[in-house]
Amino acid sequence: MAIIITDECINCGACEPECPNTAIYDVAEDWKYSDGTDLSGNIEINGETVDADESQEPVSEEYYFIVADKCTECIGFHEEPQCAAVCPVDCCVPDEDNVETEEELLVKQKFLHN
């Protein structure tokens, strides 16, 4: 499953540089699928075709956020989610709305980083 950042976030930014997929963004920041990945041009995400280089709307206007489609829980990179490991207030937690198996996360990691 993806990791989410709860509203307990103090916006310290410790998590952002730790993400190997560049799935973590600052408050109200536009984001792209291509940020920190090998994705470019038209890609298939959740049954929809999107431009990986096109800016997307922020997920949160109040605190740092994680783009679930880019989060692999650090599978393929680290033993544990690095955002959760460095968070001083433990607000990086599993997203129960985005449950994925380790195999699915590995497939996602390979998709993001051909």
PDB file of N, CA and C in Angstrom:
ATOM      1  N   MET A   1       0.842  -1.183   0.000  1.00  0.00           N
ATOM      2  CA  MET A   1       0.000   0.000   0.000  1.00  0.00           C
ATOM      3  C   MET A   1       0.873   1.226   0.000  1.00  0.00           C
ATOM      4  N   ALA A   2       0.370   2.299  -0.470  1.00  0.00           N
ATOM      5  CA  ALA A   2       1.095   3.563  -0.460  1.00  0.00           C
ATOM      6  C   ALA A   2       1.137   4.102   0.966  1.00  0.00           C
ATOM      7  N   ILE A   3       1.994   5.058   1.148  1.00  0.00           N
ATOM      8  CA  ILE A   3       2.083   5.767   2.426  1.00  0.00           C
ATOM      9  C   ILE A   3       1.375   7.106   2.240  1.00  0.00           C
ATOM     10  N   ILE A   4       0.722   7.594   3.295  1.00  0.00           N
ATOM     11  CA  ILE A   4       0.130   8.929   3.266  1.00  0.00           C
ATOM     12  C   ILE A   4       0.749   9.749   4.385  1.00  0.00           C
ATOM     13  N   ILE A   5       0.623  11.049   4.253  1.00  0.00           N
ATOM     14  CA  ILE A   5       1.051  11.970   5.302  1.00  0.00           C
ATOM     15  C   ILE A   5      -0.219  12.517   5.927  1.00  0.00           C
ATOM     16  N   THR A   6      -0.340  12.360   7.225  1.00  0.00           N
ATOM     17  CA  THR A   6      -1.551  12.797   7.919  1.00  0.00           C
ATOM     18  C   THR A   6      -1.512  14.289   8.214  1.00  0.00           C
ATOM     19  N   ASP A   7      -2.641  14.790   8.693  1.00  0.00           N
ATOM     20  CA  ASP A   7      -2.731  16.214   9.024  1.00  0.00           C
ATOM     21  C   ASP A   7      -1.939  16.593  10.271  1.00  0.00           C
ATOM     22  N   GLU A   8      -1.259  15.619  10.867  1.00  0.00           N
ATOM     23  CA  GLU A   8      -0.369  15.917  11.996  1.00  0.00           C
ATOM     24  C   GLU A   8       0.991  16.426  11.521  1.00  0.00           C
ATOM     25  N   CYS A   9       1.195  16.468  10.203  1.00  0.00           N
ATOM     26  CA  CYS A   9       2.455  16.912   9.604  1.00  0.00           C
ATOM     27  C   CYS A   9       2.780  18.338  10.054  1.00  0.00           C
ATOM     28  N   ILE A  10       4.049  18.547  10.429  1.00  0.00           N
ATOM     29  CA  ILE A  10       4.499  19.877  10.853  1.00  0.00           C
ATOM     30  C   ILE A  10       5.242  20.605   9.726  1.00  0.00           C
ATOM     31  N   ASN A  11       5.193  20.041   8.521  1.00  0.00           N
ATOM     32  CA  ASN A  11       5.818  20.636   7.337  1.00  0.00           C
ATOM     33  C   ASN A  11       7.309  20.883   7.500  1.00  0.00           C
ATOM     34  N   CYS A  12       7.990  19.942   8.147  1.00  0.00           N
ATOM     35  CA  CYS A  12       9.434  20.090   8.357  1.00  0.00           C
ATOM     36  C   CYS A  12      10.232  19.766   7.100  1.00  0.00           C
ATOM     37  N   GLY A  13       9.664  18.940   6.207  1.00  0.00           N
ATOM     38  CA  GLY A  13      10.330  18.608   4.965  1.00  0.00           C
ATOM     39  C   GLY A  13      11.362  17.497   5.050  1.00  0.00           C
ATOM     40  N   ALA A  14      11.501  16.853   6.192  1.00  0.00           N
ATOM     41  CA  ALA A  14      12.509  15.794   6.350  1.00  0.00           C
ATOM     42  C   ALA A  14      12.259  14.633   5.390  1.00  0.00           C
ATOM     43  N   CYS A  15      11.030  14.361   5.078  1.00  0.00           N
ATOM     44  CA  CYS A  15      10.674  13.208   4.247  1.00  0.00           C
ATOM     45  C   CYS A  15      10.975  13.405   2.764  1.00  0.00           C
ATOM     46  N   GLU A  16      10.796  14.597   2.272  1.00  0.00           N
ATOM     47  CA  GLU A  16      10.860  14.844   0.821  1.00  0.00           C
ATOM     48  C   GLU A  16      12.151  14.352   0.155  1.00  0.00           C
ATOM     49  N   PRO A  17      13.331  14.696   0.659  1.00  0.00           N
ATOM     50  CA  PRO A  17      14.550  14.240  -0.029  1.00  0.00           C
ATOM     51  C   PRO A  17      14.827  12.745   0.125  1.00  0.00           C
ATOM     52  N   GLU A  18      14.126  12.078   1.018  1.00  0.00           N
ATOM     53  CA  GLU A  18      14.348  10.653   1.255  1.00  0.00           C
ATOM     54  C   GLU A  18      13.641   9.749   0.251  1.00  0.00           C
ATOM     55  N   CYS A  19      12.664  10.288  -0.473  1.00  0.00           N
ATOM     56  CA  CYS A  19      11.838   9.465  -1.361  1.00  0.00           C
ATOM     57  C   CYS A  19      12.568   9.139  -2.667  1.00  0.00           C
ATOM     58  N   PRO A  20      12.816   7.850  -2.930  1.00  0.00           N
ATOM     59  CA  PRO A  20      13.515   7.466  -4.155  1.00  0.00           C
ATOM     60  C   PRO A  20      12.675   7.627  -5.426  1.00  0.00           C
ATOM     61  N   ASN A  21      11.373   7.841  -5.272  1.00  0.00           N
ATOM     62  CA  ASN A  21      10.478   8.001  -6.416  1.00  0.00           C
ATOM     63  C   ASN A  21      10.039   9.447  -6.637  1.00  0.00           C
ATOM     64  N   THR A  22      10.514  10.349  -5.812  1.00  0.00           N
ATOM     65  CA  THR A  22      10.068  11.742  -5.836  1.00  0.00           C
ATOM     66  C   THR A  22       8.543  11.780  -5.800  1.00  0.00           C
ATOM     67  N   ALA A  23       7.982  11.044  -4.850  1.00  0.00           N
ATOM     68  CA  ALA A  23       6.525  10.982  -4.688  1.00  0.00           C
ATOM     69  C   ALA A  23       6.035  11.949  -3.622  1.00  0.00           C
ATOM     70  N   ILE A  24       6.956  12.607  -2.920  1.00  0.00           N
ATOM     71  CA  ILE A  24       6.587  13.515  -1.830  1.00  0.00           C
ATOM     72  C   ILE A  24       6.795  14.952  -2.296  1.00  0.00           C
ATOM     73  N   TYR A  25       5.781  15.767  -2.046  1.00  0.00           N
ATOM     74  CA  TYR A  25       5.817  17.156  -2.501  1.00  0.00           C
ATOM     75  C   TYR A  25       5.469  18.111  -1.363  1.00  0.00           C
ATOM     76  N   ASP A  26       5.967  19.325  -1.507  1.00  0.00           N
ATOM     77  CA  ASP A  26       5.717  20.393  -0.539  1.00  0.00           C
ATOM     78  C   ASP A  26       4.252  20.828  -0.632  1.00  0.00           C
ATOM     79  N   VAL A  27       3.809  21.506   0.375  1.00  0.00           N
ATOM     80  CA  VAL A  27       2.448  22.025   0.476  1.00  0.00           C
ATOM     81  C   VAL A  27       2.051  22.765  -0.809  1.00  0.00           C
ATOM     82  N   ALA A  28       0.909  22.411  -1.369  1.00  0.00           N
ATOM     83  CA  ALA A  28       0.307  23.096  -2.514  1.00  0.00           C
ATOM     84  C   ALA A  28       1.177  23.088  -3.775  1.00  0.00           C
ATOM     85  N   GLU A  29       2.142  22.186  -3.859  1.00  0.00           N
ATOM     86  CA  GLU A  29       3.033  22.135  -5.020  1.00  0.00           C
ATOM     87  C   GLU A  29       2.431  21.292  -6.142  1.00  0.00           C
ATOM     88  N   ASP A  30       2.471  21.828  -7.370  1.00  0.00           N
ATOM     89  CA  ASP A  30       2.103  21.022  -8.524  1.00  0.00           C
ATOM     90  C   ASP A  30       3.141  19.920  -8.666  1.00  0.00           C
ATOM     91  N   TRP A  31       2.751  18.800  -9.253  1.00  0.00           N
ATOM     92  CA  TRP A  31       3.662  17.670  -9.396  1.00  0.00           C
ATOM     93  C   TRP A  31       3.492  17.035 -10.767  1.00  0.00           C
ATOM     94  N   LYS A  32       4.475  16.196 -11.137  1.00  0.00           N
ATOM     95  CA  LYS A  32       4.444  15.484 -12.414  1.00  0.00           C
ATOM     96  C   LYS A  32       4.836  14.033 -12.186  1.00  0.00           C
ATOM     97  N   TYR A  33       4.275  13.141 -12.992  1.00  0.00           N
ATOM     98  CA  TYR A  33       4.687  11.737 -12.947  1.00  0.00           C
ATOM     99  C   TYR A  33       6.159  11.607 -13.327  1.00  0.00           C
ATOM    100  N   SER A  34       6.646  12.494 -14.178  1.00  0.00           N
ATOM    101  CA  SER A  34       8.033  12.423 -14.649  1.00  0.00           C
ATOM    102  C   SER A  34       9.050  12.879 -13.607  1.00  0.00           C
ATOM    103  N   ASP A  35       8.622  13.617 -12.587  1.00  0.00           N
ATOM    104  CA  ASP A  35       9.551  14.084 -11.549  1.00  0.00           C
ATOM    105  C   ASP A  35      10.270  12.909 -10.897  1.00  0.00           C
ATOM    106  N   GLY A  36      11.585  12.839 -11.066  1.00  0.00           N
ATOM    107  CA  GLY A  36      12.378  11.819 -10.390  1.00  0.00           C
ATOM    108  C   GLY A  36      12.168  10.397 -10.868  1.00  0.00           C
ATOM    109  N   THR A  37      11.508  10.228 -12.024  1.00  0.00           N
ATOM    110  CA  THR A  37      11.272   8.887 -12.579  1.00  0.00           C
ATOM    111  C   THR A  37      11.788   8.860 -14.015  1.00  0.00           C
ATOM    112  N   ASP A  38      11.670   7.706 -14.653  1.00  0.00           N
ATOM    113  CA  ASP A  38      12.032   7.570 -16.063  1.00  0.00           C
ATOM    114  C   ASP A  38      10.823   7.775 -16.982  1.00  0.00           C
ATOM    115  N   LEU A  39       9.702   8.165 -16.424  1.00  0.00           N
ATOM    116  CA  LEU A  39       8.484   8.330 -17.205  1.00  0.00           C
ATOM    117  C   LEU A  39       8.532   9.612 -18.033  1.00  0.00           C
ATOM    118  N   SER A  40       8.002   9.521 -19.256  1.00  0.00           N
ATOM    119  CA  SER A  40       7.882  10.712 -20.101  1.00  0.00           C
ATOM    120  C   SER A  40       6.804  10.448 -21.151  1.00  0.00           C
ATOM    121  N   GLY A  41       6.269  11.515 -21.690  1.00  0.00           N
ATOM    122  CA  GLY A  41       5.234  11.390 -22.707  1.00  0.00           C
ATOM    123  C   GLY A  41       3.966  10.762 -22.164  1.00  0.00           C
ATOM    124  N   ASN A  42       3.169  10.163 -23.039  1.00  0.00           N
ATOM    125  CA  ASN A  42       1.906   9.547 -22.634  1.00  0.00           C
ATOM    126  C   ASN A  42       2.165   8.211 -21.948  1.00  0.00           C
ATOM    127  N   ILE A  43       1.563   8.047 -20.777  1.00  0.00           N
ATOM    128  CA  ILE A  43       1.684   6.814 -19.997  1.00  0.00           C
ATOM    129  C   ILE A  43       0.298   6.360 -19.561  1.00  0.00           C
ATOM    130  N   GLU A  44       0.180   5.094 -19.214  1.00  0.00           N
ATOM    131  CA  GLU A  44      -1.082   4.523 -18.738  1.00  0.00           C
ATOM    132  C   GLU A  44      -1.031   4.425 -17.215  1.00  0.00           C
ATOM    133  N   ILE A  45      -1.933   5.127 -16.532  1.00  0.00           N
ATOM    134  CA  ILE A  45      -2.031   5.108 -15.070  1.00  0.00           C
ATOM    135  C   ILE A  45      -3.481   4.824 -14.698  1.00  0.00           C
ATOM    136  N   ASN A  46      -3.703   3.748 -13.969  1.00  0.00           N
ATOM    137  CA  ASN A  46      -5.051   3.400 -13.514  1.00  0.00           C
ATOM    138  C   ASN A  46      -6.076   3.403 -14.645  1.00  0.00           C
ATOM    139  N   GLY A  47      -5.697   2.868 -15.785  1.00  0.00           N
ATOM    140  CA  GLY A  47      -6.618   2.761 -16.906  1.00  0.00           C
ATOM    141  C   GLY A  47      -6.818   4.038 -17.700  1.00  0.00           C
ATOM    142  N   GLU A  48      -6.078   5.088 -17.360  1.00  0.00           N
ATOM    143  CA  GLU A  48      -6.183   6.356 -18.078  1.00  0.00           C
ATOM    144  C   GLU A  48      -4.843   6.715 -18.688  1.00  0.00           C
ATOM    145  N   THR A  49      -4.879   7.369 -19.843  1.00  0.00           N
ATOM    146  CA  THR A  49      -3.659   7.866 -20.462  1.00  0.00           C
ATOM    147  C   THR A  49      -3.425   9.295 -19.994  1.00  0.00           C
ATOM    148  N   VAL A  50      -2.234   9.545 -19.456  1.00  0.00           N
ATOM    149  CA  VAL A  50      -1.873  10.885 -18.999  1.00  0.00           C
ATOM    150  C   VAL A  50      -0.492  11.238 -19.542  1.00  0.00           C
ATOM    151  N   ASP A  51      -0.220  12.519 -19.631  1.00  0.00           N
ATOM    152  CA  ASP A  51       1.092  13.003 -20.046  1.00  0.00           C
ATOM    153  C   ASP A  51       1.963  13.085 -18.800  1.00  0.00           C
ATOM    154  N   ALA A  52       3.013  12.285 -18.747  1.00  0.00           N
ATOM    155  CA  ALA A  52       3.880  12.235 -17.566  1.00  0.00           C
ATOM    156  C   ALA A  52       4.544  13.575 -17.276  1.00  0.00           C
ATOM    157  N   ASP A  53       4.665  14.420 -18.305  1.00  0.00           N
ATOM    158  CA  ASP A  53       5.337  15.707 -18.148  1.00  0.00           C
ATOM    159  C   ASP A  53       4.377  16.857 -17.832  1.00  0.00           C
ATOM    160  N   GLU A  54       3.093  16.548 -17.735  1.00  0.00           N
ATOM    161  CA  GLU A  54       2.089  17.578 -17.461  1.00  0.00           C
ATOM    162  C   GLU A  54       1.931  17.792 -15.958  1.00  0.00           C
ATOM    163  N   SER A  55       1.869  19.044 -15.544  1.00  0.00           N
ATOM    164  CA  SER A  55       1.685  19.362 -14.126  1.00  0.00           C
ATOM    165  C   SER A  55       0.323  18.897 -13.646  1.00  0.00           C
ATOM    166  N   GLN A  56       0.315  18.335 -12.441  1.00  0.00           N
ATOM    167  CA  GLN A  56      -0.901  17.848 -11.796  1.00  0.00           C
ATOM    168  C   GLN A  56      -1.211  18.729 -10.584  1.00  0.00           C
ATOM    169  N   GLU A  57      -2.470  18.752 -10.212  1.00  0.00           N
ATOM    170  CA  GLU A  57      -2.907  19.545  -9.054  1.00  0.00           C
ATOM    171  C   GLU A  57      -2.326  18.981  -7.758  1.00  0.00           C
ATOM    172  N   PRO A  58      -2.019  19.850  -6.787  1.00  0.00           N
ATOM    173  CA  PRO A  58      -1.531  19.369  -5.492  1.00  0.00           C
ATOM    174  C   PRO A  58      -2.559  18.479  -4.802  1.00  0.00           C
ATOM    175  N   VAL A  59      -2.068  17.509  -4.045  1.00  0.00           N
ATOM    176  CA  VAL A  59      -2.940  16.634  -3.271  1.00  0.00           C
ATOM    177  C   VAL A  59      -3.371  17.329  -1.984  1.00  0.00           C
ATOM    178  N   SER A  60      -2.508  18.192  -1.453  1.00  0.00           N
ATOM    179  CA  SER A  60      -2.830  18.905  -0.212  1.00  0.00           C
ATOM    180  C   SER A  60      -2.409  20.368  -0.311  1.00  0.00           C
ATOM    181  N   GLU A  61      -3.249  21.212   0.220  1.00  0.00           N
ATOM    182  CA  GLU A  61      -2.968  22.652   0.295  1.00  0.00           C
ATOM    183  C   GLU A  61      -2.487  23.041   1.691  1.00  0.00           C
ATOM    184  N   GLU A  62      -2.386  22.040   2.603  1.00  0.00           N
ATOM    185  CA  GLU A  62      -2.082  22.351   3.996  1.00  0.00           C
ATOM    186  C   GLU A  62      -0.786  21.742   4.508  1.00  0.00           C
ATOM    187  N   TYR A  63      -0.380  20.592   3.975  1.00  0.00           N
ATOM    188  CA  TYR A  63       0.828  19.921   4.456  1.00  0.00           C
ATOM    189  C   TYR A  63       1.444  19.090   3.332  1.00  0.00           C
ATOM    190  N   TYR A  64       2.676  18.655   3.555  1.00  0.00           N
ATOM    191  CA  TYR A  64       3.356  17.815   2.576  1.00  0.00           C
ATOM    192  C   TYR A  64       2.431  16.647   2.201  1.00  0.00           C
ATOM    193  N   PHE A  65       2.593  16.151   0.969  1.00  0.00           N
ATOM    194  CA  PHE A  65       1.746  15.047   0.527  1.00  0.00           C
ATOM    195  C   PHE A  65       2.546  14.048  -0.298  1.00  0.00           C
ATOM    196  N   ILE A  66       1.995  12.835  -0.382  1.00  0.00           N
ATOM    197  CA  ILE A  66       2.584  11.758  -1.169  1.00  0.00           C
ATOM    198  C   ILE A  66       1.620  11.406  -2.298  1.00  0.00           C
ATOM    199  N   VAL A  67       2.147  11.328  -3.508  1.00  0.00           N
ATOM    200  CA  VAL A  67       1.357  10.906  -4.669  1.00  0.00           C
ATOM    201  C   VAL A  67       1.317   9.375  -4.653  1.00  0.00           C
ATOM    202  N   ALA A  68       0.154   8.822  -4.388  1.00  0.00           N
ATOM    203  CA  ALA A  68       0.005   7.368  -4.236  1.00  0.00           C
ATOM    204  C   ALA A  68       0.465   6.602  -5.476  1.00  0.00           C
ATOM    205  N   ASP A  69       0.220   7.147  -6.669  1.00  0.00           N
ATOM    206  CA  ASP A  69       0.614   6.460  -7.897  1.00  0.00           C
ATOM    207  C   ASP A  69       2.132   6.365  -8.057  1.00  0.00           C
ATOM    208  N   LYS A  70       2.880   7.143  -7.283  1.00  0.00           N
ATOM    209  CA  LYS A  70       4.344   7.106  -7.370  1.00  0.00           C
ATOM    210  C   LYS A  70       4.980   6.435  -6.148  1.00  0.00           C
ATOM    211  N   CYS A  71       4.204   6.162  -5.115  1.00  0.00           N
ATOM    212  CA  CYS A  71       4.737   5.584  -3.879  1.00  0.00           C
ATOM    213  C   CYS A  71       4.854   4.065  -3.992  1.00  0.00           C
ATOM    214  N   THR A  72       6.041   3.555  -3.696  1.00  0.00           N
ATOM    215  CA  THR A  72       6.274   2.109  -3.691  1.00  0.00           C
ATOM    216  C   THR A  72       6.668   1.620  -2.300  1.00  0.00           C
ATOM    217  N   GLU A  73       6.444   2.452  -1.296  1.00  0.00           N
ATOM    218  CA  GLU A  73       6.857   2.133   0.079  1.00  0.00           C
ATOM    219  C   GLU A  73       8.353   1.821   0.136  1.00  0.00           C
ATOM    220  N   CYS A  74       9.094   2.377  -0.823  1.00  0.00           N
ATOM    221  CA  CYS A  74      10.552   2.188  -0.950  1.00  0.00           C
ATOM    222  C   CYS A  74      10.938   0.757  -1.336  1.00  0.00           C
ATOM    223  N   ILE A  75       9.939  -0.084  -1.696  1.00  0.00           N
ATOM    224  CA  ILE A  75      10.224  -1.439  -2.169  1.00  0.00           C
ATOM    225  C   ILE A  75      11.117  -1.330  -3.417  1.00  0.00           C
ATOM    226  N   GLY A  76      12.145  -2.139  -3.450  1.00  0.00           N
ATOM    227  CA  GLY A  76      13.100  -2.092  -4.552  1.00  0.00           C
ATOM    228  C   GLY A  76      14.253  -1.152  -4.291  1.00  0.00           C
ATOM    229  N   PHE A  77      14.172  -0.388  -3.198  1.00  0.00           N
ATOM    230  CA  PHE A  77      15.223   0.552  -2.823  1.00  0.00           C
ATOM    231  C   PHE A  77      15.731   0.329  -1.404  1.00  0.00           C
ATOM    232  N   HIS A  78      14.801   0.231  -0.456  1.00  0.00           N
ATOM    233  CA  HIS A  78      15.144   0.164   0.964  1.00  0.00           C
ATOM    234  C   HIS A  78      14.294  -0.892   1.667  1.00  0.00           C
ATOM    235  N   GLU A  79      14.686  -1.230   2.881  1.00  0.00           N
ATOM    236  CA  GLU A  79      13.969  -2.228   3.689  1.00  0.00           C
ATOM    237  C   GLU A  79      12.657  -1.700   4.272  1.00  0.00           C
ATOM    238  N   GLU A  80      12.560  -0.370   4.420  1.00  0.00           N
ATOM    239  CA  GLU A  80      11.369   0.242   5.009  1.00  0.00           C
ATOM    240  C   GLU A  80      11.122   1.592   4.354  1.00  0.00           C
ATOM    241  N   PRO A  81       9.899   2.106   4.440  1.00  0.00           N
ATOM    242  CA  PRO A  81       9.615   3.428   3.887  1.00  0.00           C
ATOM    243  C   PRO A  81      10.487   4.492   4.575  1.00  0.00           C
ATOM    244  N   GLN A  82      11.281   5.180   3.785  1.00  0.00           N
ATOM    245  CA  GLN A  82      12.214   6.147   4.337  1.00  0.00           C
ATOM    246  C   GLN A  82      11.529   7.385   4.907  1.00  0.00           C
ATOM    247  N   CYS A  83      10.381   7.759   4.345  1.00  0.00           N
ATOM    248  CA  CYS A  83       9.652   8.914   4.880  1.00  0.00           C
ATOM    249  C   CYS A  83       9.248   8.656   6.329  1.00  0.00           C
ATOM    250  N   ALA A  84       8.731   7.452   6.575  1.00  0.00           N
ATOM    251  CA  ALA A  84       8.312   7.091   7.937  1.00  0.00           C
ATOM    252  C   ALA A  84       9.511   7.000   8.870  1.00  0.00           C
ATOM    253  N   ALA A  85      10.637   6.525   8.347  1.00  0.00           N
ATOM    254  CA  ALA A  85      11.835   6.361   9.170  1.00  0.00           C
ATOM    255  C   ALA A  85      12.386   7.701   9.666  1.00  0.00           C
ATOM    256  N   VAL A  86      12.232   8.759   8.872  1.00  0.00           N
ATOM    257  CA  VAL A  86      12.805  10.057   9.255  1.00  0.00           C
ATOM    258  C   VAL A  86      11.791  11.038   9.836  1.00  0.00           C
ATOM    259  N   CYS A  87      10.524  10.721   9.769  1.00  0.00           N
ATOM    260  CA  CYS A  87       9.490  11.653  10.236  1.00  0.00           C
ATOM    261  C   CYS A  87       9.552  11.847  11.753  1.00  0.00           C
ATOM    262  N   PRO A  88       9.737  13.087  12.206  1.00  0.00           N
ATOM    263  CA  PRO A  88       9.843  13.324  13.649  1.00  0.00           C
ATOM    264  C   PRO A  88       8.519  13.236  14.402  1.00  0.00           C
ATOM    265  N   VAL A  89       7.387  13.262  13.681  1.00  0.00           N
ATOM    266  CA  VAL A  89       6.088  13.212  14.363  1.00  0.00           C
ATOM    267  C   VAL A  89       5.258  11.985  13.955  1.00  0.00           C
ATOM    268  N   ASP A  90       5.877  11.044  13.281  1.00  0.00           N
ATOM    269  CA  ASP A  90       5.222   9.796  12.874  1.00  0.00           C
ATOM    270  C   ASP A  90       3.913  10.015  12.117  1.00  0.00           C
ATOM    271  N   CYS A  91       3.925  10.939  11.159  1.00  0.00           N
ATOM    272  CA  CYS A  91       2.705  11.195  10.392  1.00  0.00           C
ATOM    273  C   CYS A  91       2.723  10.533   9.019  1.00  0.00           C
ATOM    274  N   CYS A  92       3.777   9.792   8.684  1.00  0.00           N
ATOM    275  CA  CYS A  92       3.835   9.019   7.448  1.00  0.00           C
ATOM    276  C   CYS A  92       3.388   7.601   7.778  1.00  0.00           C
ATOM    277  N   VAL A  93       2.167   7.273   7.367  1.00  0.00           N
ATOM    278  CA  VAL A  93       1.546   6.008   7.762  1.00  0.00           C
ATOM    279  C   VAL A  93       0.984   5.284   6.538  1.00  0.00           C
ATOM    280  N   PRO A  94       0.750   3.967   6.638  1.00  0.00           N
ATOM    281  CA  PRO A  94       0.159   3.229   5.519  1.00  0.00           C
ATOM    282  C   PRO A  94      -1.213   3.792   5.134  1.00  0.00           C
ATOM    283  N   ASP A  95      -1.443   3.879   3.839  1.00  0.00           N
ATOM    284  CA  ASP A  95      -2.707   4.375   3.297  1.00  0.00           C
ATOM    285  C   ASP A  95      -3.634   3.186   3.067  1.00  0.00           C
ATOM    286  N   GLU A  96      -4.588   3.006   3.938  1.00  0.00           N
ATOM    287  CA  GLU A  96      -5.492   1.860   3.861  1.00  0.00           C
ATOM    288  C   GLU A  96      -6.395   1.906   2.626  1.00  0.00           C
ATOM    289  N   ASP A  97      -6.461   3.048   1.947  1.00  0.00           N
ATOM    290  CA  ASP A  97      -7.250   3.164   0.726  1.00  0.00           C
ATOM    291  C   ASP A  97      -6.456   2.747  -0.514  1.00  0.00           C
ATOM    292  N   ASN A  98      -5.159   2.503  -0.350  1.00  0.00           N
ATOM    293  CA  ASN A  98      -4.290   2.112  -1.460  1.00  0.00           C
ATOM    294  C   ASN A  98      -3.456   0.899  -1.077  1.00  0.00           C
ATOM    295  N   VAL A  99      -4.108  -0.232  -0.908  1.00  0.00           N
ATOM    296  CA  VAL A  99      -3.432  -1.455  -0.492  1.00  0.00           C
ATOM    297  C   VAL A  99      -2.845  -2.148  -1.716  1.00  0.00           C
ATOM    298  N   GLU A 100      -1.536  -2.445  -1.669  1.00  0.00           N
ATOM    299  CA  GLU A 100      -0.847  -3.138  -2.748  1.00  0.00           C
ATOM    300  C   GLU A 100       0.075  -4.195  -2.145  1.00  0.00           C
ATOM    301  N   THR A 101       0.238  -5.288  -2.858  1.00  0.00           N
ATOM    302  CA  THR A 101       1.145  -6.337  -2.393  1.00  0.00           C
ATOM    303  C   THR A 101       2.582  -5.933  -2.704  1.00  0.00           C
ATOM    304  N   GLU A 102       3.531  -6.642  -2.110  1.00  0.00           N
ATOM    305  CA  GLU A 102       4.941  -6.375  -2.396  1.00  0.00           C
ATOM    306  C   GLU A 102       5.221  -6.577  -3.883  1.00  0.00           C
ATOM    307  N   GLU A 103       4.620  -7.590  -4.480  1.00  0.00           N
ATOM    308  CA  GLU A 103       4.793  -7.841  -5.912  1.00  0.00           C
ATOM    309  C   GLU A 103       4.273  -6.668  -6.749  1.00  0.00           C
ATOM    310  N   GLU A 104       3.100  -6.149  -6.390  1.00  0.00           N
ATOM    311  CA  GLU A 104       2.541  -4.998  -7.114  1.00  0.00           C
ATOM    312  C   GLU A 104       3.435  -3.775  -6.964  1.00  0.00           C
ATOM    313  N   LEU A 105       3.992  -3.582  -5.782  1.00  0.00           N
ATOM    314  CA  LEU A 105       4.882  -2.445  -5.553  1.00  0.00           C
ATOM    315  C   LEU A 105       6.172  -2.575  -6.354  1.00  0.00           C
ATOM    316  N   LEU A 106       6.676  -3.795  -6.491  1.00  0.00           N
ATOM    317  CA  LEU A 106       7.872  -4.018  -7.319  1.00  0.00           C
ATOM    318  C   LEU A 106       7.592  -3.733  -8.790  1.00  0.00           C
ATOM    319  N   VAL A 107       6.419  -4.124  -9.263  1.00  0.00           N
ATOM    320  CA  VAL A 107       6.019  -3.829 -10.647  1.00  0.00           C
ATOM    321  C   VAL A 107       5.945  -2.313 -10.834  1.00  0.00           C
ATOM    322  N   LYS A 108       5.362  -1.619  -9.877  1.00  0.00           N
ATOM    323  CA  LYS A 108       5.259  -0.162  -9.944  1.00  0.00           C
ATOM    324  C   LYS A 108       6.654   0.473  -9.943  1.00  0.00           C
ATOM    325  N   GLN A 109       7.544  -0.039  -9.106  1.00  0.00           N
ATOM    326  CA  GLN A 109       8.917   0.485  -9.039  1.00  0.00           C
ATOM    327  C   GLN A 109       9.615   0.326 -10.398  1.00  0.00           C
ATOM    328  N   LYS A 110       9.450  -0.830 -11.018  1.00  0.00           N
ATOM    329  CA  LYS A 110      10.053  -1.065 -12.340  1.00  0.00           C
ATOM    330  C   LYS A 110       9.426  -0.164 -13.402  1.00  0.00           C
ATOM    331  N   PHE A 111       8.123   0.089 -13.308  1.00  0.00           N
ATOM    332  CA  PHE A 111       7.442   0.984 -14.246  1.00  0.00           C
ATOM    333  C   PHE A 111       7.985   2.409 -14.118  1.00  0.00           C
ATOM    334  N   LEU A 112       8.176   2.858 -12.888  1.00  0.00           N
ATOM    335  CA  LEU A 112       8.661   4.223 -12.661  1.00  0.00           C
ATOM    336  C   LEU A 112      10.120   4.396 -13.060  1.00  0.00           C
ATOM    337  N   HIS A 113      10.880   3.335 -12.941  1.00  0.00           N
ATOM    338  CA  HIS A 113      12.328   3.394 -13.186  1.00  0.00           C
ATOM    339  C   HIS A 113      12.749   2.287 -14.143  1.00  0.00           C
ATOM    340  N   ASN A 114      12.274   2.353 -15.394  1.00  0.00           N
ATOM    341  CA  ASN A 114      12.531   1.315 -16.402  1.00  0.00           C
ATOM    342  C   ASN A 114      13.871   0.709 -16.150  1.00  0.00           C
TER     343      ASN A 114
END
